[in-house]
Amino acid sequence: MWATILALLLVVLSIWYYLTRQYNYFEKRGIPYPKQLTQIRNMWDAIVKQKPVTDLVEEIYNVHHEAIYVGFYDFMRPVITIRDIELVKSITVKYFEHFQDHQGFQDLQDEPLFSKNLFGLCGDRWREIRTLLSPAFTSSKMKSMFKLMLECADQYGNFMATLPEDKRTLELKDTFTRYTNDVIATCAFGVSVNSITDRNNKFYEYGRESTNFGRLAMLKIAMFRCVPFLVKMFGIKLVSRRVEDFFKDLVESTIKYRDDNNVVRPDMIQLMMETRGKLGPGKELTIDDMTAQAFTFFFGGFESTSALMCFAAYEVGVNPDVQKRLQEEIDQVLENCKGEVTYDAINGLKYLDAVIYEALRIYPVIVVADRRCTKAFELPPALPGLKPYVIQKDEYLWIPIYGIQHDPAYFKEPKKFNPDRFLPDAKVVLNSGTFLSFGMGPRMCIGNRFALLETKVLLFNIFARCNLKPCSKTCIPMKLMQKGFALTSKEGFWFDIEPRKDAKLVGSVCNSSASC
């Protein structure tokens, strides 16, 4: 009996030591850190209670306003959070070779959708795939996809403008996610899908399942980060086998169809097909590799881009002056183009750009970016009088995107929606280092141009035809909720949809690329 009690006591003490062995990590090194946040509570509230990670990021970011970086515990792992803009630039650009990788899924070989995708890849393989995929998002490729996007957006704009009177109270997230689903299906996979009429199509259903990161999925991610050996031991998967098989079969069938019918499309799959036999031994893309890249494109566009659209539309809807000004800009373009909208005309809408960028600033799709140290690097002292800190290989940094973009030192009244911050020239803010919604440096989001164009085209079509009016279900002020990796509204994005009586004619796509 006493032996059993002693054994249990040793187990408890071992667990306690494992959980607390680095509790004084930052104190020993003189690095400021939020002492009220314990190692476990840091992420527990966010994952289990689904407390917005924005609250955690701001709490960490504001622990010491003079420090250029602070520490915190990501579960049991000490992490340095960078607060200084110039240091962020150095880490992500100038000294990128020291911080090349994310905390990926390299060890989850049974999860090829994650371990083999661009976000999860590391080192030379990441560079190879990044170089390979970059041409899929050039201006010429965006122009070729523009018509497909506009056709989808026209359907959704018309759908909203012609809703029966008893169905004009609408939750935008569902509608916008269906739009992003249809755009990705046609632009990336060459599959024609209409999720308005075919609401339960497989593409949409599997997309919802694969991006629905609820509490169970977040607990799985927590296990991967804390006890990866258990994940591997018990074969725990983030995405079900049937979802994995669906995307793999879709990529295989798309490639076979194009090969058999000599079909060429300006998209990611085509780029990957054209590498066959050219990359050399050990570097050729397998079906798993191709599926992982296509899935990442889908994963990012399906949930994250629709969230951006919702937040932008929400702010336009609850700010009548913003809505009026945006519609005046849209109407002017339609008048100049006689209803036929061009690629250059859409990209020339400065106020629409400003609305989208301001929505991204307040509600960044990803609230924090991580970097894994791949080569030891000396950080300057966190505060005057302290010692420099040498971050070692395999230690981690956080770049607190939400904290920086809500810092009144960079953005006056940061909680206020003010598109004029990005006027007259948005590039001034975008290049300042204080706008990080798409990241910075070589690891910057590869699909940001696609996401922005897709968003512009939809909002253009909606506000050309409709007014958004707050209703009894509209959440004012916004209450955020963390859902998986992306932010969303805790109570949805509800609005009354009012067809515009003064709407200009929205015609077909203009074939010319010239400005209207």
Protein backbone atom coordinates (compact mmCIF):
# COMPACT_ATOMS: atom_id res chain seq x y z
CA MET A 1 0.00 0.00 0.00
CA TRP A 2 2.70 2.46 1.01
CA ALA A 3 4.61 1.59 -2.14
CA THR A 4 1.56 2.46 -4.24
CA ILE A 5 1.07 5.77 -2.43
CA LEU A 6 4.74 6.59 -2.85
CA ALA A 7 4.61 5.72 -6.55
CA LEU A 8 1.55 7.97 -7.04
CA LEU A 9 3.28 10.75 -5.13
CA LEU A 10 6.33 10.47 -7.36
CA VAL A 11 4.12 10.61 -10.45
CA VAL A 12 2.35 13.73 -9.17
CA LEU A 13 5.66 15.37 -8.27
CA SER A 14 7.09 14.49 -11.68
CA ILE A 15 4.11 16.02 -13.44
CA TRP A 16 4.33 19.11 -11.24
CA TYR A 17 8.04 19.47 -11.98
CA TYR A 18 7.40 19.05 -15.73
CA LEU A 19 4.72 21.75 -15.68
CA THR A 20 6.64 24.24 -13.53
CA ARG A 21 10.30 23.61 -14.34
CA GLN A 22 10.52 26.73 -16.51
CA TYR A 23 8.20 28.91 -14.44
CA ASN A 24 11.06 31.25 -13.51
CA TYR A 25 12.50 31.29 -17.02
CA PHE A 26 11.90 34.99 -17.72
CA GLU A 27 12.51 36.14 -14.16
CA LYS A 28 15.99 34.59 -14.23
CA ARG A 29 16.76 36.44 -17.45
CA GLY A 30 15.30 39.78 -16.46
CA ILE A 31 12.68 39.73 -19.23
CA PRO A 32 9.34 41.38 -18.40
CA TYR A 33 6.40 38.97 -18.45
CA PRO A 34 2.78 38.92 -17.26
CA LYS A 35 3.10 37.24 -13.87
CA GLN A 36 -0.66 36.86 -13.55
CA LEU A 37 -0.72 34.53 -16.55
CA THR A 38 0.33 31.06 -15.46
CA GLN A 39 1.80 28.55 -17.86
CA ILE A 40 -1.43 26.62 -18.21
CA ARG A 41 -3.92 29.49 -18.04
CA ASN A 42 -2.26 31.31 -20.90
CA MET A 43 -3.83 29.14 -23.57
CA TRP A 44 -6.43 27.20 -21.56
CA ASP A 45 -8.97 30.03 -21.58
CA ALA A 46 -8.53 30.55 -25.31
CA ILE A 47 -8.84 26.88 -26.27
CA VAL A 48 -11.31 25.45 -23.77
CA LYS A 49 -13.38 28.50 -22.84
CA GLN A 50 -12.94 29.97 -26.34
CA LYS A 51 -11.98 33.32 -24.91
CA PRO A 52 -10.85 35.56 -27.80
CA VAL A 53 -7.11 35.21 -28.33
CA THR A 54 -7.21 38.97 -28.98
CA ASP A 55 -7.66 39.47 -25.22
CA LEU A 56 -4.63 37.30 -24.48
CA VAL A 57 -2.49 39.03 -27.12
CA GLU A 58 -3.36 42.49 -25.82
CA GLU A 59 -2.73 41.42 -22.23
CA ILE A 60 0.74 40.18 -23.13
CA TYR A 61 1.50 43.10 -25.46
CA ASN A 62 0.61 45.70 -22.81
CA VAL A 63 2.48 44.10 -19.91
CA HIS A 64 5.32 46.65 -20.25
CA HIS A 65 4.98 49.58 -22.65
CA GLU A 66 8.68 50.45 -22.64
CA ALA A 67 9.99 46.94 -23.32
CA ILE A 68 10.88 46.04 -26.93
CA TYR A 69 9.93 42.45 -26.16
CA VAL A 70 8.27 40.55 -23.33
CA GLY A 71 7.89 36.91 -22.39
CA PHE A 72 4.94 34.61 -21.83
CA TYR A 73 4.22 30.91 -21.60
CA ASP A 74 2.56 29.04 -24.46
CA PHE A 75 1.49 26.16 -22.24
CA MET A 76 4.87 25.01 -20.88
CA ARG A 77 6.99 26.65 -23.58
CA PRO A 78 8.56 30.09 -22.94
CA VAL A 79 7.93 32.41 -25.89
CA ILE A 80 9.35 35.87 -26.63
CA THR A 81 6.77 38.39 -27.90
CA ILE A 82 8.27 41.18 -30.02
CA ARG A 83 6.82 44.66 -29.42
CA ASP A 84 9.27 46.89 -31.31
CA ILE A 85 8.47 47.54 -34.99
CA GLU A 86 12.10 47.83 -36.08
CA LEU A 87 12.90 44.55 -34.36
CA VAL A 88 9.92 42.93 -36.11
CA LYS A 89 11.33 44.12 -39.45
CA SER A 90 14.77 42.78 -38.60
CA ILE A 91 13.44 39.36 -37.63
CA THR A 92 11.07 38.94 -40.58
CA VAL A 93 13.23 40.51 -43.30
CA LYS A 94 16.87 41.43 -42.57
CA TYR A 95 17.70 38.40 -40.42
CA PHE A 96 15.13 36.07 -41.93
CA GLU A 97 17.66 33.21 -42.19
CA HIS A 98 17.58 33.02 -38.37
CA PHE A 99 13.77 32.78 -38.24
CA GLN A 100 12.69 30.93 -41.37
CA ASP A 101 10.07 28.56 -40.03
CA HIS A 102 6.70 28.44 -38.33
CA GLN A 103 5.79 26.00 -35.62
CA GLY A 104 4.49 23.61 -38.22
CA PHE A 105 3.24 20.06 -38.36
CA GLN A 106 6.44 18.46 -39.57
CA ASP A 107 6.15 15.56 -37.11
CA LEU A 108 2.62 14.67 -38.18
CA GLN A 109 3.48 12.56 -41.20
CA ASP A 110 0.03 10.98 -40.96
CA GLU A 111 -1.44 14.46 -41.58
CA PRO A 112 -0.10 15.25 -45.08
CA LEU A 113 -2.65 18.06 -45.56
CA PHE A 114 -0.81 19.95 -42.81
CA SER A 115 2.73 18.55 -42.73
CA LYS A 116 3.28 18.98 -46.48
CA ASN A 117 1.60 22.35 -47.07
CA LEU A 118 3.40 25.65 -47.60
CA PHE A 119 2.67 26.94 -44.10
CA GLY A 120 3.94 23.80 -42.39
CA LEU A 121 7.01 23.22 -44.57
CA CYS A 122 10.45 24.32 -43.39
CA GLY A 123 13.90 25.08 -44.73
CA ASP A 124 14.85 24.29 -48.31
CA ARG A 125 11.62 22.45 -49.07
CA TRP A 126 9.62 25.53 -48.08
CA ARG A 127 11.76 27.68 -50.39
CA GLU A 128 11.26 25.28 -53.31
CA ILE A 129 7.48 25.16 -52.92
CA ARG A 130 7.18 28.91 -52.28
CA THR A 131 9.14 29.65 -55.47
CA LEU A 132 7.02 27.15 -57.36
CA LEU A 133 3.66 28.57 -56.24
CA SER A 134 4.42 32.30 -56.35
CA PRO A 135 3.64 32.66 -60.11
CA ALA A 136 0.05 31.56 -59.36
CA PHE A 137 -0.58 34.96 -57.74
CA THR A 138 0.97 37.44 -60.19
CA SER A 139 -1.01 40.35 -61.67
CA SER A 140 -1.51 38.48 -64.94
CA LYS A 141 -2.93 35.46 -63.11
CA MET A 142 -5.19 37.71 -61.02
CA LYS A 143 -6.54 39.31 -64.19
CA SER A 144 -7.34 35.91 -65.65
CA MET A 145 -9.18 34.89 -62.45
CA PHE A 146 -11.00 38.22 -62.19
CA LYS A 147 -13.73 37.25 -64.63
CA LEU A 148 -14.46 34.05 -62.72
CA MET A 149 -14.64 35.97 -59.43
CA LEU A 150 -16.91 38.61 -60.93
CA GLU A 151 -19.31 36.00 -62.27
CA CYS A 152 -19.59 34.47 -58.79
CA ALA A 153 -19.95 37.87 -57.11
CA ASP A 154 -22.65 38.89 -59.58
CA GLN A 155 -24.70 35.84 -58.56
CA TYR A 156 -24.39 36.65 -54.87
CA GLY A 157 -25.05 40.37 -55.33
CA ASN A 158 -28.17 39.54 -57.30
CA PHE A 159 -29.21 36.93 -54.75
CA MET A 160 -29.07 39.45 -51.91
CA ALA A 161 -30.78 42.21 -53.89
CA THR A 162 -33.73 39.97 -54.84
CA LEU A 163 -34.45 38.35 -51.49
CA PRO A 164 -38.20 38.12 -50.70
CA GLU A 165 -39.30 40.68 -48.13
CA ASP A 166 -39.82 38.05 -45.43
CA LYS A 167 -36.23 36.75 -45.86
CA ARG A 168 -34.29 39.99 -45.95
CA THR A 169 -32.82 39.57 -42.48
CA LEU A 170 -29.64 37.70 -43.31
CA GLU A 171 -26.59 36.30 -41.50
CA LEU A 172 -23.69 37.29 -43.75
CA LYS A 173 -21.15 34.63 -42.73
CA ASP A 174 -23.05 31.77 -44.29
CA THR A 175 -23.61 33.65 -47.54
CA PHE A 176 -20.04 34.95 -47.81
CA THR A 177 -18.54 31.54 -47.02
CA ARG A 178 -20.59 30.06 -49.85
CA TYR A 179 -19.18 32.73 -52.16
CA THR A 180 -15.56 32.01 -51.18
CA ASN A 181 -16.30 28.31 -51.64
CA ASP A 182 -17.52 28.87 -55.20
CA VAL A 183 -14.61 31.17 -56.10
CA ILE A 184 -11.99 28.70 -54.87
CA ALA A 185 -13.76 25.80 -56.58
CA THR A 186 -13.64 27.51 -59.95
CA CYS A 187 -10.31 29.39 -59.64
CA ALA A 188 -8.23 26.64 -58.03
CA PHE A 189 -9.89 23.37 -59.00
CA GLY A 190 -11.74 24.23 -62.20
CA VAL A 191 -14.97 22.96 -60.62
CA SER A 192 -18.19 24.85 -61.27
CA VAL A 193 -20.20 25.11 -58.03
CA ASN A 194 -23.22 27.24 -57.13
CA SER A 195 -23.68 27.08 -53.38
CA ILE A 196 -26.79 29.27 -53.50
CA THR A 197 -28.86 26.76 -55.45
CA ASP A 198 -26.97 23.61 -54.41
CA ARG A 199 -26.61 24.37 -50.73
CA ASN A 200 -25.34 20.94 -49.74
CA ASN A 201 -22.77 20.38 -52.47
CA LYS A 202 -19.84 18.22 -51.40
CA PHE A 203 -17.28 20.95 -51.99
CA TYR A 204 -19.03 23.20 -49.49
CA GLU A 205 -19.87 20.47 -46.98
CA TYR A 206 -16.32 19.14 -46.80
CA GLY A 207 -15.02 22.70 -46.68
CA ARG A 208 -17.17 23.43 -43.64
CA GLU A 209 -16.05 20.24 -41.95
CA SER A 210 -12.34 20.79 -42.59
CA THR A 211 -12.37 24.39 -41.34
CA ASN A 212 -14.72 23.93 -38.39
CA PHE A 213 -12.19 24.12 -35.58
CA GLY A 214 -14.31 23.84 -32.47
CA ARG A 215 -13.21 22.93 -28.95
CA LEU A 216 -12.35 19.33 -29.79
CA ALA A 217 -10.11 20.33 -32.69
CA MET A 218 -8.42 23.01 -30.58
CA LEU A 219 -7.78 20.44 -27.85
CA LYS A 220 -6.17 18.19 -30.45
CA ILE A 221 -3.90 21.07 -31.48
CA ALA A 222 -3.05 21.66 -27.82
CA MET A 223 -2.09 17.98 -27.52
CA PHE A 224 0.07 18.21 -30.62
CA ARG A 225 1.93 21.16 -29.15
CA CYS A 226 2.33 19.75 -25.65
CA VAL A 227 2.44 15.96 -26.07
CA PRO A 228 3.05 15.21 -29.77
CA PHE A 229 4.15 11.64 -28.96
CA LEU A 230 0.62 10.89 -27.69
CA VAL A 231 -0.91 12.30 -30.87
CA LYS A 232 1.28 9.99 -32.91
CA MET A 233 0.78 7.03 -30.56
CA PHE A 234 -3.03 7.17 -30.71
CA GLY A 235 -3.28 8.27 -34.35
CA ILE A 236 -5.21 11.43 -33.50
CA LYS A 237 -6.04 13.40 -36.66
CA LEU A 238 -7.01 17.03 -37.15
CA VAL A 239 -8.91 16.29 -40.35
CA SER A 240 -10.98 13.16 -40.89
CA ARG A 241 -9.84 10.54 -43.39
CA ARG A 242 -12.92 11.12 -45.57
CA VAL A 243 -12.13 14.83 -45.90
CA GLU A 244 -8.52 14.03 -46.73
CA ASP A 245 -9.62 11.45 -49.31
CA PHE A 246 -12.12 13.89 -50.84
CA PHE A 247 -9.48 16.53 -51.56
CA LYS A 248 -6.95 13.96 -52.73
CA ASP A 249 -9.48 12.40 -55.12
CA LEU A 250 -10.48 15.87 -56.32
CA VAL A 251 -6.89 16.82 -57.16
CA GLU A 252 -6.23 13.47 -58.84
CA SER A 253 -9.39 13.64 -60.93
CA THR A 254 -8.71 17.28 -61.88
CA ILE A 255 -5.20 16.40 -63.09
CA LYS A 256 -6.45 13.36 -65.02
CA TYR A 257 -9.22 15.35 -66.70
CA ARG A 258 -6.83 18.09 -67.77
CA ASP A 259 -4.29 15.59 -69.06
CA ASP A 260 -6.91 13.63 -71.00
CA ASN A 261 -8.59 16.70 -72.48
CA ASN A 262 -5.58 19.02 -72.94
CA VAL A 263 -7.15 21.58 -70.58
CA VAL A 264 -4.89 24.39 -69.34
CA ARG A 265 -6.03 26.81 -66.64
CA PRO A 266 -4.13 29.68 -64.95
CA ASP A 267 -4.16 28.28 -61.43
CA MET A 268 -2.11 26.56 -58.73
CA ILE A 269 -2.87 23.01 -59.85
CA GLN A 270 -1.69 23.80 -63.38
CA LEU A 271 1.59 25.17 -62.04
CA MET A 272 2.16 22.00 -60.06
CA MET A 273 1.26 19.82 -63.04
CA GLU A 274 3.83 21.60 -65.19
CA THR A 275 6.65 20.71 -62.76
CA ARG A 276 6.32 16.98 -63.42
CA GLY A 277 9.68 15.53 -64.41
CA LYS A 278 11.51 18.84 -63.86
CA LEU A 279 12.32 19.09 -60.16
CA GLY A 280 14.75 16.21 -59.91
CA PRO A 281 15.01 13.08 -57.76
CA GLY A 282 13.45 13.43 -54.32
CA LYS A 283 11.92 16.80 -55.15
CA GLU A 284 9.08 15.81 -57.48
CA LEU A 285 5.61 16.67 -56.20
CA THR A 286 3.53 13.67 -55.21
CA ILE A 287 -0.26 13.70 -55.17
CA ASP A 288 -0.03 14.22 -51.40
CA ASP A 289 2.19 17.28 -51.98
CA MET A 290 -0.17 18.75 -54.56
CA THR A 291 -3.22 18.05 -52.43
CA ALA A 292 -1.62 19.72 -49.40
CA GLN A 293 -0.93 22.93 -51.35
CA ALA A 294 -4.41 23.00 -52.89
CA PHE A 295 -5.94 22.32 -49.47
CA THR A 296 -3.99 25.20 -47.89
CA PHE A 297 -5.30 27.54 -50.58
CA PHE A 298 -8.81 26.28 -49.87
CA PHE A 299 -8.37 26.35 -46.08
CA GLY A 300 -7.14 29.94 -46.06
CA GLY A 301 -9.67 31.25 -48.55
CA PHE A 302 -12.75 29.44 -47.30
CA GLU A 303 -12.83 30.62 -43.69
CA SER A 304 -10.35 33.48 -43.33
CA THR A 305 -11.33 35.47 -46.41
CA SER A 306 -15.04 35.14 -45.68
CA ALA A 307 -14.33 36.46 -42.16
CA LEU A 308 -12.59 39.50 -43.67
CA MET A 309 -15.62 40.12 -45.92
CA CYS A 310 -17.96 39.88 -42.94
CA PHE A 311 -16.01 42.33 -40.79
CA ALA A 312 -15.68 44.82 -43.65
CA ALA A 313 -19.39 44.58 -44.51
CA TYR A 314 -20.27 44.84 -40.82
CA GLU A 315 -18.38 48.11 -40.38
CA VAL A 316 -19.89 49.54 -43.54
CA GLY A 317 -23.35 48.47 -42.36
CA VAL A 318 -23.09 50.04 -38.90
CA ASN A 319 -21.48 53.26 -40.19
CA PRO A 320 -24.00 54.98 -42.52
CA ASP A 321 -21.53 57.70 -43.53
CA VAL A 322 -19.02 55.05 -44.63
CA GLN A 323 -21.70 53.19 -46.57
CA LYS A 324 -22.84 56.34 -48.35
CA ARG A 325 -19.29 57.33 -49.30
CA LEU A 326 -18.46 53.82 -50.55
CA GLN A 327 -21.61 53.61 -52.66
CA GLU A 328 -20.88 56.99 -54.21
CA GLU A 329 -17.46 55.70 -55.29
CA ILE A 330 -18.96 52.49 -56.68
CA ASP A 331 -21.72 54.38 -58.53
CA GLN A 332 -19.14 56.66 -60.13
CA VAL A 333 -17.20 53.67 -61.46
CA LEU A 334 -20.37 52.05 -62.81
CA GLU A 335 -21.33 55.29 -64.51
CA ASN A 336 -17.90 55.63 -66.10
CA CYS A 337 -17.87 51.98 -67.19
CA LYS A 338 -21.51 51.92 -68.27
CA GLY A 339 -22.02 48.92 -66.00
CA GLU A 340 -19.14 46.85 -67.40
CA VAL A 341 -16.54 46.56 -64.68
CA THR A 342 -12.86 46.07 -65.44
CA TYR A 343 -10.02 44.64 -63.37
CA ASP A 344 -8.27 48.01 -63.30
CA ALA A 345 -11.46 49.82 -62.33
CA ILE A 346 -11.95 47.54 -59.30
CA ASN A 347 -8.34 48.05 -58.25
CA GLY A 348 -8.74 51.80 -58.65
CA LEU A 349 -11.39 52.06 -55.92
CA LYS A 350 -9.31 53.81 -53.26
CA TYR A 351 -12.04 54.12 -50.65
CA LEU A 352 -13.02 50.46 -51.02
CA ASP A 353 -9.36 49.59 -50.51
CA ALA A 354 -9.27 51.76 -47.40
CA VAL A 355 -12.40 50.09 -45.99
CA ILE A 356 -10.90 46.63 -46.46
CA TYR A 357 -7.50 47.57 -45.02
CA GLU A 358 -9.11 49.20 -41.99
CA ALA A 359 -11.22 46.07 -41.43
CA LEU A 360 -8.03 44.01 -41.61
CA ARG A 361 -6.31 46.34 -39.16
CA ILE A 362 -9.04 46.09 -36.53
CA TYR A 363 -9.86 42.44 -37.17
CA PRO A 364 -6.69 40.76 -38.48
CA VAL A 365 -7.53 37.32 -39.77
CA ILE A 366 -4.56 35.90 -37.84
CA VAL A 367 -4.00 37.77 -34.56
CA VAL A 368 -0.45 36.58 -33.98
CA ALA A 369 2.35 35.17 -36.14
CA ASP A 370 4.98 32.78 -34.86
CA ARG A 371 8.59 32.15 -35.87
CA ARG A 372 10.89 29.30 -34.91
CA CYS A 373 14.54 30.21 -34.44
CA THR A 374 16.63 28.20 -36.89
CA LYS A 375 19.98 29.75 -35.96
CA ALA A 376 20.94 31.36 -32.62
CA PHE A 377 20.35 35.12 -32.63
CA GLU A 378 21.14 37.87 -30.11
CA LEU A 379 18.23 40.14 -29.30
CA PRO A 380 19.04 43.58 -27.87
CA PRO A 381 18.15 44.17 -24.19
CA ALA A 382 14.41 44.22 -23.57
CA LEU A 383 14.87 47.37 -21.47
CA PRO A 384 17.78 49.78 -20.88
CA GLY A 385 20.16 48.36 -18.30
CA LEU A 386 19.28 44.73 -18.98
CA LYS A 387 21.44 42.19 -20.79
CA PRO A 388 20.89 41.10 -24.41
CA TYR A 389 19.05 37.81 -24.80
CA VAL A 390 20.35 35.10 -27.11
CA ILE A 391 17.42 33.18 -28.52
CA GLN A 392 18.51 29.63 -29.25
CA LYS A 393 17.72 27.25 -32.10
CA ASP A 394 14.18 25.78 -31.84
CA GLU A 395 12.97 28.51 -29.46
CA TYR A 396 9.98 30.56 -30.53
CA LEU A 397 8.95 34.16 -31.10
CA TRP A 398 5.51 35.68 -31.36
CA ILE A 399 4.73 38.73 -33.49
CA PRO A 400 1.59 40.20 -31.86
CA ILE A 401 -0.24 41.45 -34.95
CA TYR A 402 -3.39 42.38 -33.04
CA GLY A 403 -1.45 44.17 -30.31
CA ILE A 404 0.58 46.28 -32.75
CA GLN A 405 -2.43 47.18 -34.88
CA HIS A 406 -4.36 48.25 -31.78
CA ASP A 407 -1.55 50.30 -30.27
CA PRO A 408 -2.56 53.99 -29.93
CA ALA A 409 1.11 54.89 -30.50
CA TYR A 410 0.63 53.80 -34.12
CA PHE A 411 -3.11 54.27 -34.69
CA LYS A 412 -5.01 57.05 -32.93
CA GLU A 413 -8.24 55.73 -31.39
CA PRO A 414 -7.36 52.19 -32.51
CA LYS A 415 -10.79 50.69 -31.74
CA LYS A 416 -12.51 53.20 -34.02
CA PHE A 417 -13.24 52.20 -37.62
CA ASN A 418 -11.67 54.94 -39.73
CA PRO A 419 -10.82 54.10 -43.38
CA ASP A 420 -9.24 57.55 -43.81
CA ARG A 421 -6.13 56.17 -42.07
CA PHE A 422 -5.32 54.57 -45.43
CA LEU A 423 -5.94 57.67 -47.55
CA PRO A 424 -4.76 59.28 -49.73
CA ASP A 425 -2.05 56.63 -50.19
CA ALA A 426 -2.52 53.29 -48.45
CA LYS A 427 1.09 52.29 -49.19
CA VAL A 428 2.34 54.72 -46.54
CA VAL A 429 0.69 52.65 -43.80
CA LEU A 430 1.13 49.28 -45.51
CA ASN A 431 4.89 49.78 -45.75
CA SER A 432 5.35 51.28 -42.28
CA GLY A 433 5.69 47.97 -40.48
CA THR A 434 2.64 48.66 -38.31
CA PHE A 435 0.22 46.84 -40.64
CA LEU A 436 0.93 43.13 -40.35
CA SER A 437 -2.33 41.40 -41.24
CA PHE A 438 -0.68 39.48 -44.09
CA GLY A 439 2.67 39.15 -42.34
CA MET A 440 5.98 40.59 -43.49
CA GLY A 441 9.03 39.36 -45.37
CA PRO A 442 9.47 36.08 -47.28
CA ARG A 443 6.86 34.34 -45.11
CA MET A 444 4.21 36.90 -45.99
CA CYS A 445 0.87 35.35 -47.00
CA ILE A 446 1.27 34.13 -50.57
CA GLY A 447 -2.44 34.48 -51.34
CA ASN A 448 -3.01 38.03 -50.08
CA ARG A 449 -3.60 39.50 -53.56
CA PHE A 450 -6.15 36.80 -54.33
CA ALA A 451 -7.96 37.38 -51.02
CA LEU A 452 -8.07 41.16 -51.51
CA LEU A 453 -9.37 40.94 -55.08
CA GLU A 454 -11.98 38.36 -54.12
CA THR A 455 -13.16 40.63 -51.30
CA LYS A 456 -13.24 43.77 -53.42
CA VAL A 457 -15.29 42.11 -56.14
CA LEU A 458 -17.92 40.82 -53.71
CA LEU A 459 -18.30 44.05 -51.72
CA PHE A 460 -18.48 46.02 -54.96
CA ASN A 461 -21.38 43.90 -56.21
CA ILE A 462 -23.26 43.94 -52.91
CA PHE A 463 -23.07 47.65 -52.19
CA ALA A 464 -23.81 48.51 -55.81
CA ARG A 465 -27.16 46.77 -55.36
CA CYS A 466 -27.96 46.82 -51.63
CA ASN A 467 -27.96 48.78 -48.41
CA LEU A 468 -27.11 47.00 -45.17
CA LYS A 469 -29.24 48.11 -42.24
CA PRO A 470 -28.65 47.06 -38.60
CA CYS A 471 -31.47 44.93 -37.20
CA SER A 472 -32.43 43.59 -33.77
CA LYS A 473 -29.87 40.77 -34.15
CA THR A 474 -26.96 43.03 -35.15
CA CYS A 475 -24.20 42.91 -32.56
CA ILE A 476 -23.32 46.53 -31.67
CA PRO A 477 -20.63 46.88 -30.44
CA MET A 478 -18.86 43.89 -31.93
CA LYS A 479 -18.25 40.95 -29.61
CA LEU A 480 -15.41 38.75 -30.81
CA MET A 481 -15.06 35.01 -30.58
CA GLN A 482 -12.12 32.82 -31.49
CA LYS A 483 -13.14 30.02 -33.83
CA GLY A 484 -10.21 27.83 -34.69
CA PHE A 485 -7.48 29.99 -36.17
CA ALA A 486 -9.68 32.91 -37.20
CA LEU A 487 -11.72 35.59 -35.49
CA THR A 488 -15.45 35.82 -35.92
CA SER A 489 -18.41 37.55 -34.31
CA LYS A 490 -19.76 35.89 -31.19
CA GLU A 491 -23.35 36.62 -32.25
CA GLY A 492 -23.04 36.44 -36.04
CA PHE A 493 -23.21 39.13 -38.70
CA TRP A 494 -26.93 39.91 -38.95
CA PHE A 495 -28.34 42.68 -41.13
CA ASP A 496 -31.49 43.70 -42.92
CA ILE A 497 -30.82 43.68 -46.67
CA GLU A 498 -32.47 46.56 -48.48
CA PRO A 499 -32.38 46.67 -52.31
CA ARG A 500 -31.14 50.06 -53.47
CA LYS A 501 -33.75 52.05 -55.34
CA ASP A 502 -31.04 54.26 -56.82
CA ALA A 503 -28.76 51.40 -57.88
CA LYS A 504 -26.75 51.85 -61.04
CA LEU A 505 -26.88 49.10 -63.65
CA VAL A 506 -24.32 46.38 -62.99
CA GLY A 507 -23.57 44.82 -66.36
CA SER A 508 -21.26 42.15 -67.68
CA VAL A 509 -17.52 41.89 -67.30
CA CYS A 510 -15.60 44.19 -69.60
CA ASN A 511 -13.02 42.24 -71.65
CA SER A 512 -10.67 45.19 -71.82
CA SER A 513 -8.12 45.59 -69.03
CA ALA A 514 -8.04 49.34 -69.52
CA SER A 515 -9.53 51.65 -66.94
CA CYS A 516 -13.11 52.67 -67.60
